[in-house]
Amino acid sequence: MMILFLKVGILPLIDDARPPDADAKWDKCDQWTFSEIFFSCGVKQQLCLDETMSARQGWEALADLYQSASLGNIFRLTVEFNDIKQLLKKQAIQFITSVCTAASELKYLGEDISDQKGKW
């Protein structure tokens, strides 16, 4: 997502607060950025977002969701990791990406996700 924002030149929308001299063009760009964030998320992540948020607020809400090392967040990510299944219609690369993403999030929070710990 950061690469997309960098590519289209809107990274400041998630890094900086709304400037006092922002115009309608800035607001439209902010709304587009928020919609990109929102529609790139799964249903679980969309629940922590609100359509009245700015792109920056949405980005921060997702950061809070995934960077929290609370027991609840670790439990949620562990369940998500252990529930990943290869579905018949799912491409192998999507499956591998799901596993790697969930594993990376747990590693970031300091959890051991070695093969012996995971339920394959």
PDB file of N, CA and C in Angstrom:
ATOM      1  N   MET A   1       0.826  -1.184   0.000  1.00  0.00           N
ATOM      2  CA  MET A   1       0.000   0.000   0.000  1.00  0.00           C
ATOM      3  C   MET A   1       0.875   1.254   0.000  1.00  0.00           C
ATOM      4  N   MET A   2       1.950   1.223   0.798  1.00  0.00           N
ATOM      5  CA  MET A   2       2.858   2.366   0.845  1.00  0.00           C
ATOM      6  C   MET A   2       3.481   2.613  -0.538  1.00  0.00           C
ATOM      7  N   ILE A   3       3.776   1.543  -1.267  1.00  0.00           N
ATOM      8  CA  ILE A   3       4.374   1.682  -2.594  1.00  0.00           C
ATOM      9  C   ILE A   3       3.379   2.355  -3.542  1.00  0.00           C
ATOM     10  N   LEU A   4       2.110   1.977  -3.460  1.00  0.00           N
ATOM     11  CA  LEU A   4       1.085   2.621  -4.288  1.00  0.00           C
ATOM     12  C   LEU A   4       1.014   4.109  -3.964  1.00  0.00           C
ATOM     13  N   PHE A   5       0.999   4.451  -2.676  1.00  0.00           N
ATOM     14  CA  PHE A   5       0.913   5.851  -2.278  1.00  0.00           C
ATOM     15  C   PHE A   5       2.135   6.638  -2.745  1.00  0.00           C
ATOM     16  N   LEU A   6       3.290   6.007  -2.666  1.00  0.00           N
ATOM     17  CA  LEU A   6       4.514   6.649  -3.118  1.00  0.00           C
ATOM     18  C   LEU A   6       4.460   6.862  -4.634  1.00  0.00           C
ATOM     19  N   LYS A   7       3.977   5.835  -5.357  1.00  0.00           N
ATOM     20  CA  LYS A   7       3.917   5.893  -6.816  1.00  0.00           C
ATOM     21  C   LYS A   7       3.022   7.036  -7.302  1.00  0.00           C
ATOM     22  N   VAL A   8       1.870   7.194  -6.675  1.00  0.00           N
ATOM     23  CA  VAL A   8       0.936   8.232  -7.137  1.00  0.00           C
ATOM     24  C   VAL A   8       1.138   9.558  -6.410  1.00  0.00           C
ATOM     25  N   GLY A   9       2.154   9.625  -5.551  1.00  0.00           N
ATOM     26  CA  GLY A   9       2.521  10.890  -4.927  1.00  0.00           C
ATOM     27  C   GLY A   9       1.619  11.355  -3.810  1.00  0.00           C
ATOM     28  N   ILE A  10       0.967  10.439  -3.119  1.00  0.00           N
ATOM     29  CA  ILE A  10       0.067  10.846  -2.041  1.00  0.00           C
ATOM     30  C   ILE A  10       0.511  10.345  -0.673  1.00  0.00           C
ATOM     31  N   LEU A  11       1.748   9.913  -0.563  1.00  0.00           N
ATOM     32  CA  LEU A  11       2.256   9.447   0.724  1.00  0.00           C
ATOM     33  C   LEU A  11       2.065  10.478   1.837  1.00  0.00           C
ATOM     34  N   PRO A  12       2.189  11.782   1.562  1.00  0.00           N
ATOM     35  CA  PRO A  12       1.971  12.756   2.643  1.00  0.00           C
ATOM     36  C   PRO A  12       0.572  12.674   3.273  1.00  0.00           C
ATOM     37  N   LEU A  13      -0.395  12.138   2.558  1.00  0.00           N
ATOM     38  CA  LEU A  13      -1.747  12.048   3.120  1.00  0.00           C
ATOM     39  C   LEU A  13      -1.799  11.119   4.329  1.00  0.00           C
ATOM     40  N   ILE A  14      -0.903  10.147   4.402  1.00  0.00           N
ATOM     41  CA  ILE A  14      -0.911   9.266   5.560  1.00  0.00           C
ATOM     42  C   ILE A  14       0.182   9.637   6.550  1.00  0.00           C
ATOM     43  N   ASP A  15       1.092  10.493   6.125  1.00  0.00           N
ATOM     44  CA  ASP A  15       2.174  10.915   7.016  1.00  0.00           C
ATOM     45  C   ASP A  15       1.868  12.215   7.758  1.00  0.00           C
ATOM     46  N   ASP A  16       1.120  13.097   7.138  1.00  0.00           N
ATOM     47  CA  ASP A  16       0.893  14.421   7.707  1.00  0.00           C
ATOM     48  C   ASP A  16      -0.590  14.659   7.962  1.00  0.00           C
ATOM     49  N   ALA A  17      -0.863  15.548   8.903  1.00  0.00           N
ATOM     50  CA  ALA A  17      -2.247  15.952   9.166  1.00  0.00           C
ATOM     51  C   ALA A  17      -2.731  16.849   8.027  1.00  0.00           C
ATOM     52  N   ARG A  18      -4.022  17.037   7.951  1.00  0.00           N
ATOM     53  CA  ARG A  18      -4.615  17.884   6.910  1.00  0.00           C
ATOM     54  C   ARG A  18      -4.072  19.307   7.062  1.00  0.00           C
ATOM     55  N   PRO A  19      -3.494  19.831   6.002  1.00  0.00           N
ATOM     56  CA  PRO A  19      -2.956  21.197   6.098  1.00  0.00           C
ATOM     57  C   PRO A  19      -4.087  22.218   6.236  1.00  0.00           C
ATOM     58  N   PRO A  20      -3.834  23.316   6.931  1.00  0.00           N
ATOM     59  CA  PRO A  20      -4.883  24.328   7.121  1.00  0.00           C
ATOM     60  C   PRO A  20      -5.369  24.934   5.811  1.00  0.00           C
ATOM     61  N   ASP A  21      -4.528  24.964   4.790  1.00  0.00           N
ATOM     62  CA  ASP A  21      -4.916  25.556   3.514  1.00  0.00           C
ATOM     63  C   ASP A  21      -5.394  24.511   2.493  1.00  0.00           C
ATOM     64  N   ALA A  22      -5.786  23.323   2.978  1.00  0.00           N
ATOM     65  CA  ALA A  22      -6.240  22.252   2.074  1.00  0.00           C
ATOM     66  C   ALA A  22      -7.498  22.694   1.329  1.00  0.00           C
ATOM     67  N   ASP A  23      -7.565  22.290   0.072  1.00  0.00           N
ATOM     68  CA  ASP A  23      -8.710  22.642  -0.758  1.00  0.00           C
ATOM     69  C   ASP A  23      -9.521  21.396  -1.109  1.00  0.00           C
ATOM     70  N   ALA A  24     -10.511  21.566  -1.970  1.00  0.00           N
ATOM     71  CA  ALA A  24     -11.383  20.453  -2.367  1.00  0.00           C
ATOM     72  C   ALA A  24     -10.587  19.361  -3.086  1.00  0.00           C
ATOM     73  N   LYS A  25      -9.555  19.754  -3.825  1.00  0.00           N
ATOM     74  CA  LYS A  25      -8.715  18.769  -4.518  1.00  0.00           C
ATOM     75  C   LYS A  25      -7.994  17.883  -3.503  1.00  0.00           C
ATOM     76  N   TRP A  26      -7.492  18.484  -2.438  1.00  0.00           N
ATOM     77  CA  TRP A  26      -6.826  17.730  -1.378  1.00  0.00           C
ATOM     78  C   TRP A  26      -7.815  16.754  -0.736  1.00  0.00           C
ATOM     79  N   ASP A  27      -9.037  17.243  -0.446  1.00  0.00           N
ATOM     80  CA  ASP A  27     -10.054  16.388   0.176  1.00  0.00           C
ATOM     81  C   ASP A  27     -10.423  15.212  -0.721  1.00  0.00           C
ATOM     82  N   LYS A  28     -10.552  15.460  -2.023  1.00  0.00           N
ATOM     83  CA  LYS A  28     -10.881  14.388  -2.963  1.00  0.00           C
ATOM     84  C   LYS A  28      -9.764  13.343  -2.996  1.00  0.00           C
ATOM     85  N   CYS A  29      -8.528  13.788  -2.991  1.00  0.00           N
ATOM     86  CA  CYS A  29      -7.381  12.888  -2.985  1.00  0.00           C
ATOM     87  C   CYS A  29      -7.350  12.082  -1.680  1.00  0.00           C
ATOM     88  N   ASP A  30      -7.667  12.731  -0.578  1.00  0.00           N
ATOM     89  CA  ASP A  30      -7.717  12.050   0.713  1.00  0.00           C
ATOM     90  C   ASP A  30      -8.804  10.967   0.713  1.00  0.00           C
ATOM     91  N   GLN A  31      -9.959  11.289   0.152  1.00  0.00           N
ATOM     92  CA  GLN A  31     -11.052  10.309   0.073  1.00  0.00           C
ATOM     93  C   GLN A  31     -10.656   9.127  -0.813  1.00  0.00           C
ATOM     94  N   TRP A  32      -9.997   9.399  -1.927  1.00  0.00           N
ATOM     95  CA  TRP A  32      -9.537   8.319  -2.794  1.00  0.00           C
ATOM     96  C   TRP A  32      -8.550   7.430  -2.054  1.00  0.00           C
ATOM     97  N   THR A  33      -7.619   8.050  -1.334  1.00  0.00           N
ATOM     98  CA  THR A  33      -6.617   7.295  -0.592  1.00  0.00           C
ATOM     99  C   THR A  33      -7.284   6.424   0.464  1.00  0.00           C
ATOM    100  N   PHE A  34      -8.246   6.980   1.194  1.00  0.00           N
ATOM    101  CA  PHE A  34      -8.956   6.185   2.190  1.00  0.00           C
ATOM    102  C   PHE A  34      -9.678   5.017   1.526  1.00  0.00           C
ATOM    103  N   SER A  35     -10.298   5.250   0.378  1.00  0.00           N
ATOM    104  CA  SER A  35     -11.020   4.156  -0.295  1.00  0.00           C
ATOM    105  C   SER A  35     -10.049   3.063  -0.737  1.00  0.00           C
ATOM    106  N   GLU A  36      -8.845   3.429  -1.170  1.00  0.00           N
ATOM    107  CA  GLU A  36      -7.838   2.426  -1.529  1.00  0.00           C
ATOM    108  C   GLU A  36      -7.447   1.601  -0.307  1.00  0.00           C
ATOM    109  N   ILE A  37      -7.279   2.266   0.813  1.00  0.00           N
ATOM    110  CA  ILE A  37      -6.964   1.552   2.059  1.00  0.00           C
ATOM    111  C   ILE A  37      -8.117   0.612   2.413  1.00  0.00           C
ATOM    112  N   PHE A  38      -9.326   1.143   2.414  1.00  0.00           N
ATOM    113  CA  PHE A  38     -10.512   0.381   2.820  1.00  0.00           C
ATOM    114  C   PHE A  38     -10.723  -0.850   1.944  1.00  0.00           C
ATOM    115  N   PHE A  39     -10.691  -0.669   0.635  1.00  0.00           N
ATOM    116  CA  PHE A  39     -10.989  -1.784  -0.263  1.00  0.00           C
ATOM    117  C   PHE A  39      -9.836  -2.758  -0.426  1.00  0.00           C
ATOM    118  N   SER A  40      -8.681  -2.409   0.098  1.00  0.00           N
ATOM    119  CA  SER A  40      -7.555  -3.338   0.100  1.00  0.00           C
ATOM    120  C   SER A  40      -7.569  -4.234   1.331  1.00  0.00           C
ATOM    121  N   CYS A  41      -8.462  -3.944   2.248  1.00  0.00           N
ATOM    122  CA  CYS A  41      -8.555  -4.708   3.506  1.00  0.00           C
ATOM    123  C   CYS A  41      -9.605  -5.799   3.398  1.00  0.00           C
ATOM    124  N   GLY A  42      -9.456  -6.782   4.258  1.00  0.00           N
ATOM    125  CA  GLY A  42     -10.494  -7.786   4.400  1.00  0.00           C
ATOM    126  C   GLY A  42     -11.613  -7.254   5.288  1.00  0.00           C
ATOM    127  N   VAL A  43     -12.674  -8.015   5.392  1.00  0.00           N
ATOM    128  CA  VAL A  43     -13.834  -7.598   6.178  1.00  0.00           C
ATOM    129  C   VAL A  43     -13.446  -7.331   7.632  1.00  0.00           C
ATOM    130  N   LYS A  44     -12.595  -8.178   8.201  1.00  0.00           N
ATOM    131  CA  LYS A  44     -12.197  -8.003   9.603  1.00  0.00           C
ATOM    132  C   LYS A  44     -11.508  -6.664   9.822  1.00  0.00           C
ATOM    133  N   GLN A  45     -10.656  -6.275   8.884  1.00  0.00           N
ATOM    134  CA  GLN A  45      -9.934  -5.023   9.018  1.00  0.00           C
ATOM    135  C   GLN A  45     -10.852  -3.830   8.750  1.00  0.00           C
ATOM    136  N   GLN A  46     -11.802  -3.995   7.839  1.00  0.00           N
ATOM    137  CA  GLN A  46     -12.724  -2.906   7.525  1.00  0.00           C
ATOM    138  C   GLN A  46     -13.578  -2.521   8.729  1.00  0.00           C
ATOM    139  N   LEU A  47     -13.781  -3.459   9.650  1.00  0.00           N
ATOM    140  CA  LEU A  47     -14.590  -3.170  10.824  1.00  0.00           C
ATOM    141  C   LEU A  47     -13.975  -2.101  11.724  1.00  0.00           C
ATOM    142  N   CYS A  48     -12.654  -1.921  11.651  1.00  0.00           N
ATOM    143  CA  CYS A  48     -12.024  -0.893  12.490  1.00  0.00           C
ATOM    144  C   CYS A  48     -11.942   0.451  11.771  1.00  0.00           C
ATOM    145  N   LEU A  49     -12.477   0.525  10.556  1.00  0.00           N
ATOM    146  CA  LEU A  49     -12.453   1.761   9.777  1.00  0.00           C
ATOM    147  C   LEU A  49     -13.851   2.359   9.705  1.00  0.00           C
ATOM    148  N   ASP A  50     -13.902   3.661   9.560  1.00  0.00           N
ATOM    149  CA  ASP A  50     -15.175   4.378   9.476  1.00  0.00           C
ATOM    150  C   ASP A  50     -15.097   5.327   8.290  1.00  0.00           C
ATOM    151  N   GLU A  51     -16.174   5.421   7.515  1.00  0.00           N
ATOM    152  CA  GLU A  51     -16.137   6.232   6.292  1.00  0.00           C
ATOM    153  C   GLU A  51     -15.908   7.721   6.562  1.00  0.00           C
ATOM    154  N   THR A  52     -16.017   8.154   7.803  1.00  0.00           N
ATOM    155  CA  THR A  52     -15.771   9.558   8.115  1.00  0.00           C
ATOM    156  C   THR A  52     -14.289   9.832   8.416  1.00  0.00           C
ATOM    157  N   MET A  53     -13.472   8.785   8.416  1.00  0.00           N
ATOM    158  CA  MET A  53     -12.049   8.940   8.709  1.00  0.00           C
ATOM    159  C   MET A  53     -11.309   9.536   7.519  1.00  0.00           C
ATOM    160  N   SER A  54     -10.225  10.217   7.837  1.00  0.00           N
ATOM    161  CA  SER A  54      -9.311  10.638   6.779  1.00  0.00           C
ATOM    162  C   SER A  54      -8.419   9.439   6.449  1.00  0.00           C
ATOM    163  N   ALA A  55      -7.668   9.547   5.377  1.00  0.00           N
ATOM    164  CA  ALA A  55      -6.749   8.462   5.012  1.00  0.00           C
ATOM    165  C   ALA A  55      -5.753   8.220   6.145  1.00  0.00           C
ATOM    166  N   ARG A  56      -5.267   9.293   6.728  1.00  0.00           N
ATOM    167  CA  ARG A  56      -4.299   9.162   7.819  1.00  0.00           C
ATOM    168  C   ARG A  56      -4.919   8.441   9.022  1.00  0.00           C
ATOM    169  N   GLN A  57      -6.140   8.811   9.378  1.00  0.00           N
ATOM    170  CA  GLN A  57      -6.811   8.158  10.509  1.00  0.00           C
ATOM    171  C   GLN A  57      -7.045   6.677  10.230  1.00  0.00           C
ATOM    172  N   GLY A  58      -7.414   6.352   8.995  1.00  0.00           N
ATOM    173  CA  GLY A  58      -7.607   4.954   8.627  1.00  0.00           C
ATOM    174  C   GLY A  58      -6.315   4.175   8.715  1.00  0.00           C
ATOM    175  N   TRP A  59      -5.237   4.774   8.211  1.00  0.00           N
ATOM    176  CA  TRP A  59      -3.921   4.142   8.257  1.00  0.00           C
ATOM    177  C   TRP A  59      -3.501   3.901   9.703  1.00  0.00           C
ATOM    178  N   GLU A  60      -3.716   4.892  10.564  1.00  0.00           N
ATOM    179  CA  GLU A  60      -3.343   4.767  11.975  1.00  0.00           C
ATOM    180  C   GLU A  60      -4.196   3.714  12.684  1.00  0.00           C
ATOM    181  N   ALA A  61      -5.483   3.623  12.333  1.00  0.00           N
ATOM    182  CA  ALA A  61      -6.354   2.608  12.932  1.00  0.00           C
ATOM    183  C   ALA A  61      -5.858   1.202  12.597  1.00  0.00           C
ATOM    184  N   LEU A  62      -5.434   1.003  11.354  1.00  0.00           N
ATOM    185  CA  LEU A  62      -4.896  -0.295  10.955  1.00  0.00           C
ATOM    186  C   LEU A  62      -3.555  -0.567  11.631  1.00  0.00           C
ATOM    187  N   ALA A  63      -2.738   0.465  11.762  1.00  0.00           N
ATOM    188  CA  ALA A  63      -1.454   0.301  12.458  1.00  0.00           C
ATOM    189  C   ALA A  63      -1.697  -0.106  13.905  1.00  0.00           C
ATOM    190  N   ASP A  64      -2.660   0.530  14.564  1.00  0.00           N
ATOM    191  CA  ASP A  64      -2.999   0.164  15.947  1.00  0.00           C
ATOM    192  C   ASP A  64      -3.471  -1.282  16.023  1.00  0.00           C
ATOM    193  N   LEU A  65      -4.252  -1.688  15.029  1.00  0.00           N
ATOM    194  CA  LEU A  65      -4.777  -3.047  15.003  1.00  0.00           C
ATOM    195  C   LEU A  65      -3.659  -4.072  14.897  1.00  0.00           C
ATOM    196  N   TYR A  66      -2.682  -3.817  14.032  1.00  0.00           N
ATOM    197  CA  TYR A  66      -1.653  -4.818  13.773  1.00  0.00           C
ATOM    198  C   TYR A  66      -0.381  -4.660  14.586  1.00  0.00           C
ATOM    199  N   GLN A  67      -0.137  -3.501  15.136  1.00  0.00           N
ATOM    200  CA  GLN A  67       1.097  -3.314  15.878  1.00  0.00           C
ATOM    201  C   GLN A  67       0.916  -3.501  17.374  1.00  0.00           C
ATOM    202  N   SER A  68      -0.294  -3.698  17.800  1.00  0.00           N
ATOM    203  CA  SER A  68      -0.537  -3.905  19.220  1.00  0.00           C
ATOM    204  C   SER A  68      -0.068  -5.296  19.629  1.00  0.00           C
ATOM    205  N   ALA A  69       0.757  -5.356  20.672  1.00  0.00           N
ATOM    206  CA  ALA A  69       1.238  -6.649  21.172  1.00  0.00           C
ATOM    207  C   ALA A  69       0.359  -7.139  22.313  1.00  0.00           C
ATOM    208  N   SER A  70      -0.893  -6.699  22.327  1.00  0.00           N
ATOM    209  CA  SER A  70      -1.803  -7.131  23.381  1.00  0.00           C
ATOM    210  C   SER A  70      -2.116  -8.619  23.226  1.00  0.00           C
ATOM    211  N   LEU A  71      -2.500  -9.237  24.311  1.00  0.00           N
ATOM    212  CA  LEU A  71      -2.847 -10.655  24.290  1.00  0.00           C
ATOM    213  C   LEU A  71      -3.979 -10.918  23.297  1.00  0.00           C
ATOM    214  N   GLY A  72      -4.950 -10.002  23.235  1.00  0.00           N
ATOM    215  CA  GLY A  72      -6.069 -10.160  22.307  1.00  0.00           C
ATOM    216  C   GLY A  72      -5.618 -10.156  20.856  1.00  0.00           C
ATOM    217  N   ASN A  73      -4.701  -9.255  20.508  1.00  0.00           N
ATOM    218  CA  ASN A  73      -4.210  -9.176  19.135  1.00  0.00           C
ATOM    219  C   ASN A  73      -3.386 -10.407  18.789  1.00  0.00           C
ATOM    220  N   ILE A  74      -2.545 -10.846  19.708  1.00  0.00           N
ATOM    221  CA  ILE A  74      -1.742 -12.055  19.466  1.00  0.00           C
ATOM    222  C   ILE A  74      -2.661 -13.263  19.299  1.00  0.00           C
ATOM    223  N   PHE A  75      -3.698 -13.367  20.122  1.00  0.00           N
ATOM    224  CA  PHE A  75      -4.649 -14.472  20.007  1.00  0.00           C
ATOM    225  C   PHE A  75      -5.355 -14.426  18.650  1.00  0.00           C
ATOM    226  N   ARG A  76      -5.814 -13.230  18.241  1.00  0.00           N
ATOM    227  CA  ARG A  76      -6.517 -13.073  16.965  1.00  0.00           C
ATOM    228  C   ARG A  76      -5.617 -13.498  15.812  1.00  0.00           C
ATOM    229  N   LEU A  77      -4.375 -13.034  15.816  1.00  0.00           N
ATOM    230  CA  LEU A  77      -3.455 -13.382  14.736  1.00  0.00           C
ATOM    231  C   LEU A  77      -3.094 -14.857  14.750  1.00  0.00           C
ATOM    232  N   THR A  78      -2.971 -15.455  15.931  1.00  0.00           N
ATOM    233  CA  THR A  78      -2.659 -16.883  16.026  1.00  0.00           C
ATOM    234  C   THR A  78      -3.807 -17.717  15.468  1.00  0.00           C
ATOM    235  N   VAL A  79      -5.031 -17.347  15.817  1.00  0.00           N
ATOM    236  CA  VAL A  79      -6.204 -18.054  15.281  1.00  0.00           C
ATOM    237  C   VAL A  79      -6.248 -17.900  13.763  1.00  0.00           C
ATOM    238  N   GLU A  80      -6.018 -16.682  13.289  1.00  0.00           N
ATOM    239  CA  GLU A  80      -6.012 -16.428  11.847  1.00  0.00           C
ATOM    240  C   GLU A  80      -4.950 -17.278  11.160  1.00  0.00           C
ATOM    241  N   PHE A  81      -3.760 -17.339  11.747  1.00  0.00           N
ATOM    242  CA  PHE A  81      -2.659 -18.117  11.190  1.00  0.00           C
ATOM    243  C   PHE A  81      -3.004 -19.600  11.142  1.00  0.00           C
ATOM    244  N   ASN A  82      -3.557 -20.120  12.226  1.00  0.00           N
ATOM    245  CA  ASN A  82      -3.873 -21.545  12.301  1.00  0.00           C
ATOM    246  C   ASN A  82      -5.089 -21.932  11.466  1.00  0.00           C
ATOM    247  N   ASP A  83      -5.915 -20.965  11.099  1.00  0.00           N
ATOM    248  CA  ASP A  83      -7.107 -21.249  10.302  1.00  0.00           C
ATOM    249  C   ASP A  83      -6.885 -21.128   8.799  1.00  0.00           C
ATOM    250  N   ILE A  84      -5.693 -20.722   8.390  1.00  0.00           N
ATOM    251  CA  ILE A  84      -5.428 -20.589   6.956  1.00  0.00           C
ATOM    252  C   ILE A  84      -5.440 -21.973   6.325  1.00  0.00           C
ATOM    253  N   LYS A  85      -6.259 -22.121   5.314  1.00  0.00           N
ATOM    254  CA  LYS A  85      -6.378 -23.406   4.623  1.00  0.00           C
ATOM    255  C   LYS A  85      -6.229 -23.174   3.127  1.00  0.00           C
ATOM    256  N   GLN A  86      -5.703 -24.166   2.462  1.00  0.00           N
ATOM    257  CA  GLN A  86      -5.616 -24.112   1.010  1.00  0.00           C
ATOM    258  C   GLN A  86      -6.968 -24.540   0.468  1.00  0.00           C
ATOM    259  N   LEU A  87      -7.687 -23.603  -0.130  1.00  0.00           N
ATOM    260  CA  LEU A  87      -8.995 -23.898  -0.707  1.00  0.00           C
ATOM    261  C   LEU A  87      -8.816 -24.313  -2.160  1.00  0.00           C
ATOM    262  N   LEU A  88      -9.739 -25.120  -2.649  1.00  0.00           N
ATOM    263  CA  LEU A  88      -9.618 -25.634  -4.014  1.00  0.00           C
ATOM    264  C   LEU A  88      -9.547 -24.530  -5.064  1.00  0.00           C
ATOM    265  N   LYS A  89     -10.306 -23.459  -4.866  1.00  0.00           N
ATOM    266  CA  LYS A  89     -10.336 -22.391  -5.862  1.00  0.00           C
ATOM    267  C   LYS A  89      -9.259 -21.337  -5.621  1.00  0.00           C
ATOM    268  N   LYS A  90      -8.536 -21.447  -4.544  1.00  0.00           N
ATOM    269  CA  LYS A  90      -7.518 -20.456  -4.218  1.00  0.00           C
ATOM    270  C   LYS A  90      -6.204 -20.837  -4.897  1.00  0.00           C
ATOM    271  N   GLN A  91      -5.581 -19.874  -5.542  1.00  0.00           N
ATOM    272  CA  GLN A  91      -4.306 -20.142  -6.195  1.00  0.00           C
ATOM    273  C   GLN A  91      -3.235 -20.370  -5.137  1.00  0.00           C
ATOM    274  N   ALA A  92      -2.252 -21.179  -5.479  1.00  0.00           N
ATOM    275  CA  ALA A  92      -1.178 -21.508  -4.536  1.00  0.00           C
ATOM    276  C   ALA A  92      -0.463 -20.253  -4.048  1.00  0.00           C
ATOM    277  N   ILE A  93      -0.228 -19.295  -4.932  1.00  0.00           N
ATOM    278  CA  ILE A  93       0.493 -18.082  -4.532  1.00  0.00           C
ATOM    279  C   ILE A  93      -0.307 -17.285  -3.509  1.00  0.00           C
ATOM    280  N   GLN A  94      -1.651 -17.287  -3.637  1.00  0.00           N
ATOM    281  CA  GLN A  94      -2.489 -16.597  -2.657  1.00  0.00           C
ATOM    282  C   GLN A  94      -2.394 -17.285  -1.301  1.00  0.00           C
ATOM    283  N   PHE A  95      -2.368 -18.602  -1.306  1.00  0.00           N
ATOM    284  CA  PHE A  95      -2.238 -19.365  -0.066  1.00  0.00           C
ATOM    285  C   PHE A  95      -0.899 -19.067   0.609  1.00  0.00           C
ATOM    286  N   ILE A  96       0.172 -19.124  -0.158  1.00  0.00           N
ATOM    287  CA  ILE A  96       1.513 -18.878   0.385  1.00  0.00           C
ATOM    288  C   ILE A  96       1.616 -17.451   0.913  1.00  0.00           C
ATOM    289  N   THR A  97       1.044 -16.503   0.186  1.00  0.00           N
ATOM    290  CA  THR A  97       1.051 -15.111   0.634  1.00  0.00           C
ATOM    291  C   THR A  97       0.291 -14.956   1.938  1.00  0.00           C
ATOM    292  N   SER A  98      -0.858 -15.610   2.072  1.00  0.00           N
ATOM    293  CA  SER A  98      -1.638 -15.548   3.315  1.00  0.00           C
ATOM    294  C   SER A  98      -0.841 -16.090   4.488  1.00  0.00           C
ATOM    295  N   VAL A  99      -0.185 -17.216   4.301  1.00  0.00           N
ATOM    296  CA  VAL A  99       0.617 -17.824   5.364  1.00  0.00           C
ATOM    297  C   VAL A  99       1.778 -16.908   5.741  1.00  0.00           C
ATOM    298  N   CYS A 100       2.478 -16.395   4.749  1.00  0.00           N
ATOM    299  CA  CYS A 100       3.640 -15.531   5.018  1.00  0.00           C
ATOM    300  C   CYS A 100       3.227 -14.225   5.698  1.00  0.00           C
ATOM    301  N   THR A 101       2.112 -13.654   5.281  1.00  0.00           N
ATOM    302  CA  THR A 101       1.640 -12.411   5.890  1.00  0.00           C
ATOM    303  C   THR A 101       1.284 -12.632   7.354  1.00  0.00           C
ATOM    304  N   ALA A 102       0.510 -13.671   7.626  1.00  0.00           N
ATOM    305  CA  ALA A 102       0.119 -13.958   9.016  1.00  0.00           C
ATOM    306  C   ALA A 102       1.346 -14.279   9.868  1.00  0.00           C
ATOM    307  N   ALA A 103       2.274 -15.053   9.320  1.00  0.00           N
ATOM    308  CA  ALA A 103       3.493 -15.408  10.056  1.00  0.00           C
ATOM    309  C   ALA A 103       4.328 -14.167  10.351  1.00  0.00           C
ATOM    310  N   SER A 104       4.441 -13.268   9.385  1.00  0.00           N
ATOM    311  CA  SER A 104       5.214 -12.038   9.582  1.00  0.00           C
ATOM    312  C   SER A 104       4.618 -11.168  10.671  1.00  0.00           C
ATOM    313  N   GLU A 105       3.288 -11.067  10.686  1.00  0.00           N
ATOM    314  CA  GLU A 105       2.626 -10.259  11.715  1.00  0.00           C
ATOM    315  C   GLU A 105       2.879 -10.841  13.103  1.00  0.00           C
ATOM    316  N   LEU A 106       2.827 -12.159  13.225  1.00  0.00           N
ATOM    317  CA  LEU A 106       3.092 -12.794  14.525  1.00  0.00           C
ATOM    318  C   LEU A 106       4.558 -12.642  14.918  1.00  0.00           C
ATOM    319  N   LYS A 107       5.467 -12.785  13.971  1.00  0.00           N
ATOM    320  CA  LYS A 107       6.899 -12.599  14.255  1.00  0.00           C
ATOM    321  C   LYS A 107       7.160 -11.187  14.741  1.00  0.00           C
ATOM    322  N   TYR A 108       6.514 -10.206  14.098  1.00  0.00           N
ATOM    323  CA  TYR A 108       6.674  -8.801  14.465  1.00  0.00           C
ATOM    324  C   TYR A 108       6.292  -8.575  15.928  1.00  0.00           C
ATOM    325  N   LEU A 109       5.314  -9.324  16.394  1.00  0.00           N
ATOM    326  CA  LEU A 109       4.857  -9.196  17.783  1.00  0.00           C
ATOM    327  C   LEU A 109       5.642 -10.091  18.730  1.00  0.00           C
ATOM    328  N   GLY A 110       6.669 -10.782  18.208  1.00  0.00           N
ATOM    329  CA  GLY A 110       7.541 -11.584  19.053  1.00  0.00           C
ATOM    330  C   GLY A 110       7.064 -13.002  19.308  1.00  0.00           C
ATOM    331  N   GLU A 111       6.127 -13.480  18.513  1.00  0.00           N
ATOM    332  CA  GLU A 111       5.602 -14.836  18.700  1.00  0.00           C
ATOM    333  C   GLU A 111       6.423 -15.848  17.912  1.00  0.00           C
ATOM    334  N   ASP A 112       6.553 -17.058  18.470  1.00  0.00           N
ATOM    335  CA  ASP A 112       7.263 -18.147  17.804  1.00  0.00           C
ATOM    336  C   ASP A 112       6.291 -18.839  16.855  1.00  0.00           C
ATOM    337  N   ILE A 113       6.585 -18.789  15.583  1.00  0.00           N
ATOM    338  CA  ILE A 113       5.695 -19.420  14.593  1.00  0.00           C
ATOM    339  C   ILE A 113       6.442 -20.473  13.787  1.00  0.00           C
ATOM    340  N   SER A 114       7.387 -21.116  14.440  1.00  0.00           N
ATOM    341  CA  SER A 114       8.144 -22.162  13.745  1.00  0.00           C
ATOM    342  C   SER A 114       7.203 -23.269  13.285  1.00  0.00           C
ATOM    343  N   ASP A 115       7.666 -24.097  12.366  1.00  0.00           N
ATOM    344  CA  ASP A 115       6.841 -25.172  11.830  1.00  0.00           C
ATOM    345  C   ASP A 115       6.287 -26.081  12.912  1.00  0.00           C
ATOM    346  N   GLN A 116       7.036 -26.269  13.971  1.00  0.00           N
ATOM    347  CA  GLN A 116       6.573 -27.130  15.046  1.00  0.00           C
ATOM    348  C   GLN A 116       5.390 -26.503  15.779  1.00  0.00           C
ATOM    349  N   LYS A 117       5.313 -25.168  15.807  1.00  0.00           N
ATOM    350  CA  LYS A 117       4.240 -24.472  16.505  1.00  0.00           C
ATOM    351  C   LYS A 117       2.992 -24.344  15.642  1.00  0.00           C
ATOM    352  N   GLY A 118       3.185 -24.234  14.323  1.00  0.00           N
ATOM    353  CA  GLY A 118       2.037 -24.027  13.437  1.00  0.00           C
ATOM    354  C   GLY A 118       1.266 -25.320  13.215  1.00  0.00           C
ATOM    355  N   LYS A 119      -0.030 -25.189  12.962  1.00  0.00           N
ATOM    356  CA  LYS A 119      -0.878 -26.352  12.666  1.00  0.00           C
ATOM    357  C   LYS A 119      -1.064 -26.409  11.168  1.00  0.00           C
ATOM    358  N   TRP A 120      -0.354 -27.307  10.512  1.00  0.00           N
ATOM    359  CA  TRP A 120      -0.442 -27.382   9.065  1.00  0.00           C
ATOM    360  C   TRP A 120      -1.416 -28.425   8.690  1.00  0.00           C
TER     361      TRP A 120
END
